[in-house]
């Protein structure tokens, strides 16, 4: 679970750093990072949902 949270936070930071202008990338890299961020966020949400479901 911790690894999922860490990679999600890192991907979000990378995407925001791009949008703030700290680094540049070609179109393929931008699209790939954005979709990876979305997938990682979804993955953490699913894991968190399973964890809360097991708690009840």
C-alpha atoms as a PDB file:
ATOM      1  CA  UNK A   1       0.000   0.000   0.000  1.00  0.00           C
ATOM      2  CA  UNK A   2       2.795   2.407   0.885  1.00  0.00           C
ATOM      3  CA  UNK A   3       4.531   1.823  -2.454  1.00  0.00           C
ATOM      4  CA  UNK A   4       1.307   2.591  -4.312  1.00  0.00           C
ATOM      5  CA  UNK A   5       0.901   5.858  -2.428  1.00  0.00           C
ATOM      6  CA  UNK A   6       4.529   6.846  -3.046  1.00  0.00           C
ATOM      7  CA  UNK A   7       4.416   6.199  -6.790  1.00  0.00           C
ATOM      8  CA  UNK A   8       1.086   8.027  -7.030  1.00  0.00           C
ATOM      9  CA  UNK A   9       2.466  11.086  -5.242  1.00  0.00           C
ATOM     10  CA  UNK A  10       5.602  11.067  -7.394  1.00  0.00           C
ATOM     11  CA  UNK A  11       3.601  10.897 -10.620  1.00  0.00           C
ATOM     12  CA  UNK A  12       1.332  13.739  -9.470  1.00  0.00           C
ATOM     13  CA  UNK A  13       4.385  15.835  -8.588  1.00  0.00           C
ATOM     14  CA  UNK A  14       5.929  15.144 -12.012  1.00  0.00           C
ATOM     15  CA  UNK A  15       2.764  16.156 -13.839  1.00  0.00           C
ATOM     16  CA  UNK A  16       2.399  19.366 -11.828  1.00  0.00           C
ATOM     17  CA  UNK A  17       6.083  20.192 -12.282  1.00  0.00           C
ATOM     18  CA  UNK A  18       5.541  19.937 -16.026  1.00  0.00           C
ATOM     19  CA  UNK A  19       2.483  22.185 -15.938  1.00  0.00           C
ATOM     20  CA  UNK A  20       4.335  24.728 -13.771  1.00  0.00           C
ATOM     21  CA  UNK A  21       7.157  24.828 -16.340  1.00  0.00           C
ATOM     22  CA  UNK A  22      10.013  23.209 -14.414  1.00  0.00           C
ATOM     23  CA  UNK A  23      10.731  20.786 -17.268  1.00  0.00           C
ATOM     24  CA  UNK A  24       9.628  20.138 -20.832  1.00  0.00           C
ATOM     25  CA  UNK A  25       8.634  16.942 -22.591  1.00  0.00           C
ATOM     26  CA  UNK A  26       7.404  15.801 -25.970  1.00  0.00           C
ATOM     27  CA  UNK A  27       3.741  15.004 -26.550  1.00  0.00           C
ATOM     28  CA  UNK A  28       4.137  11.246 -26.063  1.00  0.00           C
ATOM     29  CA  UNK A  29       5.786  11.666 -22.671  1.00  0.00           C
ATOM     30  CA  UNK A  30       3.148  14.162 -21.522  1.00  0.00           C
ATOM     31  CA  UNK A  31       0.307  11.818 -22.463  1.00  0.00           C
ATOM     32  CA  UNK A  32       2.012   8.789 -20.900  1.00  0.00           C
ATOM     33  CA  UNK A  33       2.685  10.594 -17.591  1.00  0.00           C
ATOM     34  CA  UNK A  34      -0.870  11.890 -17.424  1.00  0.00           C
ATOM     35  CA  UNK A  35      -2.410   8.451 -17.959  1.00  0.00           C
ATOM     36  CA  UNK A  36       0.031   6.846 -15.524  1.00  0.00           C
ATOM     37  CA  UNK A  37      -1.009   9.411 -12.927  1.00  0.00           C
ATOM     38  CA  UNK A  38      -4.680   8.589 -13.499  1.00  0.00           C
ATOM     39  CA  UNK A  39      -4.007   4.827 -13.302  1.00  0.00           C
ATOM     40  CA  UNK A  40      -1.974   5.187 -10.096  1.00  0.00           C
ATOM     41  CA  UNK A  41      -4.682   7.312  -8.464  1.00  0.00           C
ATOM     42  CA  UNK A  42      -7.316   4.728  -9.451  1.00  0.00           C
ATOM     43  CA  UNK A  43      -5.113   1.913  -8.102  1.00  0.00           C
ATOM     44  CA  UNK A  44      -4.721   3.607  -4.713  1.00  0.00           C
ATOM     45  CA  UNK A  45      -8.458   4.290  -4.588  1.00  0.00           C
ATOM     46  CA  UNK A  46      -9.279   0.644  -5.243  1.00  0.00           C
ATOM     47  CA  UNK A  47      -6.783  -0.532  -2.614  1.00  0.00           C
ATOM     48  CA  UNK A  48      -8.148   1.973  -0.110  1.00  0.00           C
ATOM     49  CA  UNK A  49     -11.719   0.864  -0.841  1.00  0.00           C
ATOM     50  CA  UNK A  50     -10.786  -2.792  -0.246  1.00  0.00           C
ATOM     51  CA  UNK A  51      -9.062  -1.836   2.993  1.00  0.00           C
ATOM     52  CA  UNK A  52     -12.127   0.039   4.262  1.00  0.00           C
ATOM     53  CA  UNK A  53     -14.451  -2.765   3.156  1.00  0.00           C
ATOM     54  CA  UNK A  54     -12.412  -5.292   5.149  1.00  0.00           C
ATOM     55  CA  UNK A  55     -12.582  -3.021   8.185  1.00  0.00           C
ATOM     56  CA  UNK A  56     -16.412  -3.165   8.329  1.00  0.00           C
END
